[in-house]
Amino acid sequence: MKYGKLQLALRETREFLSRWQVLAGIVAVIAILAISGPFGTGEALPAPARLVYWASVAVLTFSAGVLVNRLVVALALPGVASALLATIAAGLVATAIVVALNAVTFSDEIADQTVGWTVIARIMMVAVLVAAALHYWTAHRQPEPERPAPPVLLDRLPLEKRGPLVSLSVQDHYVEVVTARGRELVLMRLGDAIRETTGIAGLQVHRSHWVALDQVESARREGERAVLRMKSGDDIPVSRTYVPAIREAGLLPRGKDRK
């Protein structure tokens, strides 16, 4: 296996285990096991030691199972072969972890009882079922949509003012860049600033103004022109030339222009 695939598997494992739903599930499992004390741990260990033991078992076996599953998926094997390899490998790894923990935690006499073949078979079966569920979920889950990259224009702003773009307006030789987190004057032409808004749905509505469509709060007609009220509280004028464009964008009702 290439080193890059291992790195990818490790990163995906970290991301998966950092989700609050997964963490909550692991905590719930630890609590149930620590309280119920299955496989003789209730009699063999006091409550604090039992909590540490089952926390170690749950965290180590689940983490190892997720990593093994990611590594198998990276091999891109056919469906059945991939599922079989993932479940068997995860089961073996989980069993080895439990056997090692038992050997370290319990006395020889108790360890012999706790690491018996019956217990190992049960652990193997549970690990295989969990691994199979993980593999099925990984194979059938929908990929998360990629977040669009922020527009290049934001790189020109102070960090504390970078946020969703609201509008661009010409101020002498500057462009006033308005975001949801403030406003800043940038020395550049409006046309160049608009080109740096790539990825944002917006319209030039005046020779001196550009707006982000999702930041328009309301629109009204004023004779042959229009005015857009932005979420920032600013009123942006729309010249007669651009009225059809904002109507096409759904900001004004469709119909004949007023005369």
C-alpha atoms as a PDB file:
ATOM      1  CA  MET A   1       0.000   0.000   0.000  1.00  0.00           C
ATOM      2  CA  LYS A   2       1.325   3.421  -0.909  1.00  0.00           C
ATOM      3  CA  TYR A   3       2.275   5.803   1.903  1.00  0.00           C
ATOM      4  CA  GLY A   4      -0.204   8.368   0.573  1.00  0.00           C
ATOM      5  CA  LYS A   5      -3.118   5.957   1.032  1.00  0.00           C
ATOM      6  CA  LEU A   6      -2.067   5.297   4.613  1.00  0.00           C
ATOM      7  CA  GLN A   7      -1.942   9.018   5.316  1.00  0.00           C
ATOM      8  CA  LEU A   8      -5.383   9.451   3.755  1.00  0.00           C
ATOM      9  CA  ALA A   9      -6.790   6.583   5.830  1.00  0.00           C
ATOM     10  CA  LEU A  10      -5.349   8.078   9.027  1.00  0.00           C
ATOM     11  CA  ARG A  11      -6.793  11.502   8.230  1.00  0.00           C
ATOM     12  CA  GLU A  12     -10.228  10.071   7.412  1.00  0.00           C
ATOM     13  CA  THR A  13     -10.135   8.047  10.647  1.00  0.00           C
ATOM     14  CA  ARG A  14      -9.338  11.158  12.696  1.00  0.00           C
ATOM     15  CA  GLU A  15     -12.110  13.117  10.989  1.00  0.00           C
ATOM     16  CA  PHE A  16     -14.635  10.319  11.546  1.00  0.00           C
ATOM     17  CA  LEU A  17     -13.738   9.857  15.209  1.00  0.00           C
ATOM     18  CA  SER A  18     -13.915  13.619  15.866  1.00  0.00           C
ATOM     19  CA  ARG A  19     -17.618  13.816  14.976  1.00  0.00           C
ATOM     20  CA  TRP A  20     -19.760  14.509  18.019  1.00  0.00           C
ATOM     21  CA  GLN A  21     -22.235  11.769  17.064  1.00  0.00           C
ATOM     22  CA  VAL A  22     -19.446   9.177  17.026  1.00  0.00           C
ATOM     23  CA  LEU A  23     -17.962  10.449  20.287  1.00  0.00           C
ATOM     24  CA  ALA A  24     -21.390  10.399  21.930  1.00  0.00           C
ATOM     25  CA  GLY A  25     -21.928   6.826  20.750  1.00  0.00           C
ATOM     26  CA  ILE A  26     -18.567   5.681  22.133  1.00  0.00           C
ATOM     27  CA  VAL A  27     -19.260   7.354  25.485  1.00  0.00           C
ATOM     28  CA  ALA A  28     -22.674   5.671  25.655  1.00  0.00           C
ATOM     29  CA  VAL A  29     -21.163   2.252  24.909  1.00  0.00           C
ATOM     30  CA  ILE A  30     -18.462   2.753  27.549  1.00  0.00           C
ATOM     31  CA  ALA A  31     -21.068   3.720  30.140  1.00  0.00           C
ATOM     32  CA  ILE A  32     -23.240   0.678  29.375  1.00  0.00           C
ATOM     33  CA  LEU A  33     -20.316  -1.746  29.506  1.00  0.00           C
ATOM     34  CA  ALA A  34     -18.817  -0.211  32.644  1.00  0.00           C
ATOM     35  CA  ILE A  35     -22.138  -0.391  34.486  1.00  0.00           C
ATOM     36  CA  SER A  36     -23.210  -3.840  33.291  1.00  0.00           C
ATOM     37  CA  GLY A  37     -19.737  -5.427  33.645  1.00  0.00           C
ATOM     38  CA  PRO A  38     -20.108  -8.193  31.027  1.00  0.00           C
ATOM     39  CA  PHE A  39     -17.724 -11.181  30.568  1.00  0.00           C
ATOM     40  CA  GLY A  40     -17.035 -11.354  34.294  1.00  0.00           C
ATOM     41  CA  THR A  41     -15.557  -7.870  34.558  1.00  0.00           C
ATOM     42  CA  GLY A  42     -18.262  -6.877  37.042  1.00  0.00           C
ATOM     43  CA  GLU A  43     -16.902  -9.353  39.580  1.00  0.00           C
ATOM     44  CA  ALA A  44     -13.226  -9.078  38.650  1.00  0.00           C
ATOM     45  CA  LEU A  45     -12.835  -5.285  38.665  1.00  0.00           C
ATOM     46  CA  PRO A  46     -13.980  -2.447  40.953  1.00  0.00           C
ATOM     47  CA  ALA A  47     -16.045   0.292  39.294  1.00  0.00           C
ATOM     48  CA  PRO A  48     -13.182   2.771  38.543  1.00  0.00           C
ATOM     49  CA  ALA A  49     -10.935   0.070  37.063  1.00  0.00           C
ATOM     50  CA  ARG A  50     -13.871  -1.358  35.124  1.00  0.00           C
ATOM     51  CA  LEU A  51     -14.552   2.074  33.610  1.00  0.00           C
ATOM     52  CA  VAL A  52     -10.909   2.448  32.533  1.00  0.00           C
ATOM     53  CA  TYR A  53     -10.844  -1.087  31.132  1.00  0.00           C
ATOM     54  CA  TRP A  54     -13.979  -0.726  29.018  1.00  0.00           C
ATOM     55  CA  ALA A  55     -13.006   2.763  27.894  1.00  0.00           C
ATOM     56  CA  SER A  56      -9.711   1.317  26.640  1.00  0.00           C
ATOM     57  CA  VAL A  57     -11.472  -1.569  24.914  1.00  0.00           C
ATOM     58  CA  ALA A  58     -14.085   0.637  23.239  1.00  0.00           C
ATOM     59  CA  VAL A  59     -11.730   3.387  22.085  1.00  0.00           C
ATOM     60  CA  LEU A  60      -8.914   1.126  20.876  1.00  0.00           C
ATOM     61  CA  THR A  61     -11.034  -1.503  19.127  1.00  0.00           C
ATOM     62  CA  PHE A  62     -13.357   1.002  17.474  1.00  0.00           C
ATOM     63  CA  SER A  63     -10.492   3.242  16.327  1.00  0.00           C
ATOM     64  CA  ALA A  64      -8.591   0.249  14.970  1.00  0.00           C
ATOM     65  CA  GLY A  65     -11.716  -1.032  13.240  1.00  0.00           C
ATOM     66  CA  VAL A  66     -12.344   2.306  11.535  1.00  0.00           C
ATOM     67  CA  LEU A  67      -8.699   2.538  10.413  1.00  0.00           C
ATOM     68  CA  VAL A  68      -8.695  -1.028   9.052  1.00  0.00           C
ATOM     69  CA  ASN A  69     -11.932  -0.311   7.216  1.00  0.00           C
ATOM     70  CA  ARG A  70     -10.483   2.841   5.637  1.00  0.00           C
ATOM     71  CA  LEU A  71      -7.342   0.975   4.580  1.00  0.00           C
ATOM     72  CA  VAL A  72      -9.387  -1.781   2.945  1.00  0.00           C
ATOM     73  CA  VAL A  73     -11.577   0.753   1.142  1.00  0.00           C
ATOM     74  CA  ALA A  74      -8.399   2.418  -0.181  1.00  0.00           C
ATOM     75  CA  LEU A  75      -7.455  -0.882  -1.853  1.00  0.00           C
ATOM     76  CA  ALA A  76     -10.485  -0.500  -4.157  1.00  0.00           C
ATOM     77  CA  LEU A  77     -11.255  -4.225  -4.181  1.00  0.00           C
ATOM     78  CA  PRO A  78     -14.496  -5.640  -5.618  1.00  0.00           C
ATOM     79  CA  GLY A  79     -17.501  -5.207  -3.316  1.00  0.00           C
ATOM     80  CA  VAL A  80     -17.727  -8.695  -1.773  1.00  0.00           C
ATOM     81  CA  ALA A  81     -13.966  -9.131  -1.397  1.00  0.00           C
ATOM     82  CA  SER A  82     -13.644  -5.688   0.177  1.00  0.00           C
ATOM     83  CA  ALA A  83     -16.433  -6.372   2.676  1.00  0.00           C
ATOM     84  CA  LEU A  84     -15.028  -9.776   3.665  1.00  0.00           C
ATOM     85  CA  LEU A  85     -11.489  -8.492   4.092  1.00  0.00           C
ATOM     86  CA  ALA A  86     -12.643  -5.470   6.106  1.00  0.00           C
ATOM     87  CA  THR A  87     -14.798  -7.484   8.505  1.00  0.00           C
ATOM     88  CA  ILE A  88     -12.299 -10.310   9.051  1.00  0.00           C
ATOM     89  CA  ALA A  89      -9.298  -7.991   9.446  1.00  0.00           C
ATOM     90  CA  ALA A  90     -11.161  -5.686  11.832  1.00  0.00           C
ATOM     91  CA  GLY A  91     -12.381  -8.669  13.840  1.00  0.00           C
ATOM     92  CA  LEU A  92      -8.882 -10.089  14.202  1.00  0.00           C
ATOM     93  CA  VAL A  93      -7.388  -6.732  15.179  1.00  0.00           C
ATOM     94  CA  ALA A  94     -10.130  -6.074  17.747  1.00  0.00           C
ATOM     95  CA  THR A  95      -9.721  -9.543  19.232  1.00  0.00           C
ATOM     96  CA  ALA A  96      -5.948  -9.103  19.518  1.00  0.00           C
ATOM     97  CA  ILE A  97      -6.448  -5.786  21.304  1.00  0.00           C
ATOM     98  CA  VAL A  98      -8.893  -7.291  23.809  1.00  0.00           C
ATOM     99  CA  VAL A  99      -6.653 -10.302  24.480  1.00  0.00           C
ATOM    100  CA  ALA A 100      -3.684  -7.992  25.104  1.00  0.00           C
ATOM    101  CA  LEU A 101      -5.700  -5.728  27.408  1.00  0.00           C
ATOM    102  CA  ASN A 102      -6.965  -8.731  29.357  1.00  0.00           C
ATOM    103  CA  ALA A 103      -3.452 -10.082  29.794  1.00  0.00           C
ATOM    104  CA  VAL A 104      -2.303  -6.726  31.170  1.00  0.00           C
ATOM    105  CA  THR A 105      -5.374  -6.014  33.310  1.00  0.00           C
ATOM    106  CA  PHE A 106      -6.202  -9.319  34.991  1.00  0.00           C
ATOM    107  CA  SER A 107      -4.285 -11.865  37.019  1.00  0.00           C
ATOM    108  CA  ASP A 108      -3.214 -15.052  35.241  1.00  0.00           C
ATOM    109  CA  GLU A 109      -6.108 -17.058  36.662  1.00  0.00           C
ATOM    110  CA  ILE A 110      -8.765 -14.517  35.748  1.00  0.00           C
ATOM    111  CA  ALA A 111      -7.089 -13.803  32.414  1.00  0.00           C
ATOM    112  CA  ASP A 112      -7.266 -17.486  31.512  1.00  0.00           C
ATOM    113  CA  GLN A 113     -11.002 -17.439  32.190  1.00  0.00           C
ATOM    114  CA  THR A 114     -11.612 -14.084  30.521  1.00  0.00           C
ATOM    115  CA  VAL A 115      -9.543 -14.872  27.430  1.00  0.00           C
ATOM    116  CA  GLY A 116     -11.225 -18.205  26.880  1.00  0.00           C
ATOM    117  CA  TRP A 117     -12.198 -19.296  23.387  1.00  0.00           C
ATOM    118  CA  THR A 118     -15.894 -18.696  24.088  1.00  0.00           C
ATOM    119  CA  VAL A 119     -15.252 -15.081  25.024  1.00  0.00           C
ATOM    120  CA  ILE A 120     -12.883 -14.620  22.086  1.00  0.00           C
ATOM    121  CA  ALA A 121     -15.550 -15.978  19.735  1.00  0.00           C
ATOM    122  CA  ARG A 122     -18.109 -13.532  21.122  1.00  0.00           C
ATOM    123  CA  ILE A 123     -15.718 -10.610  20.798  1.00  0.00           C
ATOM    124  CA  MET A 124     -14.848 -11.667  17.260  1.00  0.00           C
ATOM    125  CA  MET A 125     -18.523 -11.875  16.324  1.00  0.00           C
ATOM    126  CA  VAL A 126     -19.321  -8.415  17.716  1.00  0.00           C
ATOM    127  CA  ALA A 127     -16.254  -6.917  16.034  1.00  0.00           C
ATOM    128  CA  VAL A 128     -17.195  -8.480  12.695  1.00  0.00           C
ATOM    129  CA  LEU A 129     -20.745  -7.116  12.914  1.00  0.00           C
ATOM    130  CA  VAL A 130     -19.504  -3.626  13.753  1.00  0.00           C
ATOM    131  CA  ALA A 131     -16.899  -3.772  10.967  1.00  0.00           C
ATOM    132  CA  ALA A 132     -19.526  -4.940   8.471  1.00  0.00           C
ATOM    133  CA  ALA A 133     -21.818  -2.060   9.440  1.00  0.00           C
ATOM    134  CA  LEU A 134     -18.941   0.424   9.125  1.00  0.00           C
ATOM    135  CA  HIS A 135     -17.946  -0.946   5.737  1.00  0.00           C
ATOM    136  CA  TYR A 136     -21.525  -0.794   4.454  1.00  0.00           C
ATOM    137  CA  TRP A 137     -21.911   2.781   5.701  1.00  0.00           C
ATOM    138  CA  THR A 138     -18.618   3.850   4.101  1.00  0.00           C
ATOM    139  CA  ALA A 139     -19.458   2.240   0.773  1.00  0.00           C
ATOM    140  CA  HIS A 140     -22.957   3.731   0.569  1.00  0.00           C
ATOM    141  CA  ARG A 141     -22.624   7.119   2.230  1.00  0.00           C
ATOM    142  CA  GLN A 142     -23.056  10.199   0.083  1.00  0.00           C
ATOM    143  CA  PRO A 143     -19.901  12.287  -0.262  1.00  0.00           C
ATOM    144  CA  GLU A 144     -20.092  15.590   1.556  1.00  0.00           C
ATOM    145  CA  PRO A 145     -20.422  18.538  -0.819  1.00  0.00           C
ATOM    146  CA  GLU A 146     -17.239  20.522  -1.178  1.00  0.00           C
ATOM    147  CA  ARG A 147     -17.352  23.983   0.272  1.00  0.00           C
ATOM    148  CA  PRO A 148     -16.755  26.647  -2.367  1.00  0.00           C
ATOM    149  CA  ALA A 149     -13.500  28.519  -2.002  1.00  0.00           C
ATOM    150  CA  PRO A 150     -13.932  32.084  -0.699  1.00  0.00           C
ATOM    151  CA  PRO A 151     -13.569  34.795  -3.353  1.00  0.00           C
ATOM    152  CA  VAL A 152     -10.051  36.102  -3.918  1.00  0.00           C
ATOM    153  CA  LEU A 153     -11.236  39.624  -3.131  1.00  0.00           C
ATOM    154  CA  LEU A 154     -11.514  38.761   0.565  1.00  0.00           C
ATOM    155  CA  ASP A 155      -7.737  38.288   0.721  1.00  0.00           C
ATOM    156  CA  ARG A 156      -7.423  42.063   0.315  1.00  0.00           C
ATOM    157  CA  LEU A 157      -9.372  42.709   3.520  1.00  0.00           C
ATOM    158  CA  PRO A 158      -8.214  42.652   7.143  1.00  0.00           C
ATOM    159  CA  LEU A 159      -8.895  39.262   8.709  1.00  0.00           C
ATOM    160  CA  GLU A 160     -11.563  40.615  11.062  1.00  0.00           C
ATOM    161  CA  LYS A 161     -13.583  42.006   8.122  1.00  0.00           C
ATOM    162  CA  ARG A 162     -13.588  38.878   5.971  1.00  0.00           C
ATOM    163  CA  GLY A 163     -17.058  37.433   5.686  1.00  0.00           C
ATOM    164  CA  PRO A 164     -19.924  36.950   3.221  1.00  0.00           C
ATOM    165  CA  LEU A 165     -19.733  39.622   0.523  1.00  0.00           C
ATOM    166  CA  VAL A 166     -22.601  42.123   0.517  1.00  0.00           C
ATOM    167  CA  SER A 167     -21.753  44.807  -2.044  1.00  0.00           C
ATOM    168  CA  LEU A 168     -19.053  46.715  -3.908  1.00  0.00           C
ATOM    169  CA  SER A 169     -19.282  50.470  -4.485  1.00  0.00           C
ATOM    170  CA  VAL A 170     -16.960  52.958  -6.179  1.00  0.00           C
ATOM    171  CA  GLN A 171     -15.544  55.675  -3.898  1.00  0.00           C
ATOM    172  CA  ASP A 172     -13.276  57.970  -5.945  1.00  0.00           C
ATOM    173  CA  HIS A 173     -10.320  55.738  -6.931  1.00  0.00           C
ATOM    174  CA  TYR A 174     -11.277  53.102  -4.378  1.00  0.00           C
ATOM    175  CA  VAL A 175     -13.818  50.324  -4.140  1.00  0.00           C
ATOM    176  CA  GLU A 176     -15.717  50.043  -0.874  1.00  0.00           C
ATOM    177  CA  VAL A 177     -15.981  46.335  -0.115  1.00  0.00           C
ATOM    178  CA  VAL A 178     -18.878  45.629   2.242  1.00  0.00           C
ATOM    179  CA  THR A 179     -19.087  42.267   3.986  1.00  0.00           C
ATOM    180  CA  ALA A 180     -21.271  40.908   6.768  1.00  0.00           C
ATOM    181  CA  ARG A 181     -18.377  41.748   9.129  1.00  0.00           C
ATOM    182  CA  GLY A 182     -17.609  45.319   8.090  1.00  0.00           C
ATOM    183  CA  ARG A 183     -16.412  47.476   5.214  1.00  0.00           C
ATOM    184  CA  GLU A 184     -13.040  48.416   3.777  1.00  0.00           C
ATOM    185  CA  LEU A 185     -11.751  50.714   1.017  1.00  0.00           C
ATOM    186  CA  VAL A 186      -9.509  48.942  -1.493  1.00  0.00           C
ATOM    187  CA  LEU A 187      -7.483  50.766  -4.143  1.00  0.00           C
ATOM    188  CA  MET A 188      -8.620  49.073  -7.368  1.00  0.00           C
ATOM    189  CA  ARG A 189     -11.112  49.376 -10.214  1.00  0.00           C
ATOM    190  CA  LEU A 190     -14.659  48.077  -9.837  1.00  0.00           C
ATOM    191  CA  GLY A 191     -14.258  45.763 -12.836  1.00  0.00           C
ATOM    192  CA  ASP A 192     -11.187  44.145 -11.293  1.00  0.00           C
ATOM    193  CA  ALA A 193     -12.967  43.777  -7.959  1.00  0.00           C
ATOM    194  CA  ILE A 194     -15.957  42.088  -9.626  1.00  0.00           C
ATOM    195  CA  ARG A 195     -13.636  39.615 -11.351  1.00  0.00           C
ATOM    196  CA  GLU A 196     -12.318  38.651  -7.921  1.00  0.00           C
ATOM    197  CA  THR A 197     -15.811  37.720  -6.681  1.00  0.00           C
ATOM    198  CA  THR A 198     -15.763  34.436  -8.636  1.00  0.00           C
ATOM    199  CA  GLY A 199     -17.948  31.864  -6.916  1.00  0.00           C
ATOM    200  CA  ILE A 200     -20.408  34.426  -5.539  1.00  0.00           C
ATOM    201  CA  ALA A 201     -23.780  34.888  -7.249  1.00  0.00           C
ATOM    202  CA  GLY A 202     -23.942  38.623  -7.840  1.00  0.00           C
ATOM    203  CA  LEU A 203     -24.873  41.354 -10.301  1.00  0.00           C
ATOM    204  CA  GLN A 204     -23.532  44.711 -11.338  1.00  0.00           C
ATOM    205  CA  VAL A 205     -26.552  46.993 -10.921  1.00  0.00           C
ATOM    206  CA  HIS A 206     -24.967  50.365 -11.663  1.00  0.00           C
ATOM    207  CA  ARG A 207     -21.745  51.594 -13.186  1.00  0.00           C
ATOM    208  CA  SER A 208     -20.572  52.154  -9.613  1.00  0.00           C
ATOM    209  CA  HIS A 209     -22.233  49.270  -7.739  1.00  0.00           C
ATOM    210  CA  TRP A 210     -22.260  45.467  -7.524  1.00  0.00           C
ATOM    211  CA  VAL A 211     -24.377  43.366  -5.130  1.00  0.00           C
ATOM    212  CA  ALA A 212     -24.391  39.786  -3.873  1.00  0.00           C
ATOM    213  CA  LEU A 213     -27.836  38.368  -4.636  1.00  0.00           C
ATOM    214  CA  ASP A 214     -28.191  36.480  -1.355  1.00  0.00           C
ATOM    215  CA  GLN A 215     -27.592  39.721   0.570  1.00  0.00           C
ATOM    216  CA  VAL A 216     -30.504  41.643  -0.999  1.00  0.00           C
ATOM    217  CA  GLU A 217     -33.221  42.170   1.605  1.00  0.00           C
ATOM    218  CA  SER A 218     -35.774  43.988  -0.559  1.00  0.00           C
ATOM    219  CA  ALA A 219     -36.168  45.826  -3.858  1.00  0.00           C
ATOM    220  CA  ARG A 220     -38.375  48.719  -4.914  1.00  0.00           C
ATOM    221  CA  ARG A 221     -38.950  50.735  -8.056  1.00  0.00           C
ATOM    222  CA  GLU A 222     -38.356  54.479  -8.165  1.00  0.00           C
ATOM    223  CA  GLY A 223     -39.524  55.658 -11.545  1.00  0.00           C
ATOM    224  CA  GLU A 224     -37.391  54.077 -14.266  1.00  0.00           C
ATOM    225  CA  ARG A 225     -34.795  53.022 -11.748  1.00  0.00           C
ATOM    226  CA  ALA A 226     -34.801  50.812  -8.668  1.00  0.00           C
ATOM    227  CA  VAL A 227     -33.269  50.640  -5.211  1.00  0.00           C
ATOM    228  CA  LEU A 228     -32.020  47.549  -3.420  1.00  0.00           C
ATOM    229  CA  ARG A 229     -32.015  47.397   0.374  1.00  0.00           C
ATOM    230  CA  MET A 230     -29.097  45.226   1.484  1.00  0.00           C
ATOM    231  CA  LYS A 231     -28.841  43.178   4.681  1.00  0.00           C
ATOM    232  CA  SER A 232     -26.107  45.598   5.733  1.00  0.00           C
ATOM    233  CA  GLY A 233     -28.755  48.358   5.819  1.00  0.00           C
ATOM    234  CA  ASP A 234     -27.354  50.142   2.738  1.00  0.00           C
ATOM    235  CA  ASP A 235     -29.549  51.265  -0.153  1.00  0.00           C
ATOM    236  CA  ILE A 236     -27.911  50.492  -3.504  1.00  0.00           C
ATOM    237  CA  PRO A 237     -29.244  52.349  -6.576  1.00  0.00           C
ATOM    238  CA  VAL A 238     -30.030  50.376  -9.732  1.00  0.00           C
ATOM    239  CA  SER A 239     -29.715  52.332 -12.964  1.00  0.00           C
ATOM    240  CA  ARG A 240     -32.314  51.920 -15.707  1.00  0.00           C
ATOM    241  CA  THR A 241     -29.876  49.860 -17.811  1.00  0.00           C
ATOM    242  CA  TYR A 242     -29.662  47.149 -15.138  1.00  0.00           C
ATOM    243  CA  VAL A 243     -33.344  46.953 -14.139  1.00  0.00           C
ATOM    244  CA  PRO A 244     -34.030  44.055 -16.582  1.00  0.00           C
ATOM    245  CA  ALA A 245     -31.115  42.122 -15.052  1.00  0.00           C
ATOM    246  CA  ILE A 246     -32.424  42.369 -11.490  1.00  0.00           C
ATOM    247  CA  ARG A 247     -35.904  41.458 -12.712  1.00  0.00           C
ATOM    248  CA  GLU A 248     -34.449  38.398 -14.438  1.00  0.00           C
ATOM    249  CA  ALA A 249     -32.749  37.512 -11.155  1.00  0.00           C
ATOM    250  CA  GLY A 250     -36.154  37.554  -9.448  1.00  0.00           C
ATOM    251  CA  LEU A 251     -35.611  40.702  -7.385  1.00  0.00           C
ATOM    252  CA  LEU A 252     -38.491  42.535  -9.093  1.00  0.00           C
ATOM    253  CA  PRO A 253     -41.846  41.236 -10.387  1.00  0.00           C
ATOM    254  CA  ARG A 254     -41.882  40.396 -14.067  1.00  0.00           C
ATOM    255  CA  GLY A 255     -43.848  42.845 -16.183  1.00  0.00           C
ATOM    256  CA  LYS A 256     -43.524  45.915 -18.295  1.00  0.00           C
ATOM    257  CA  ASP A 257     -41.142  48.625 -17.220  1.00  0.00           C
ATOM    258  CA  ARG A 258     -42.721  51.760 -15.859  1.00  0.00           C
ATOM    259  CA  LYS A 259     -42.605  54.818 -18.099  1.00  0.00           C
END
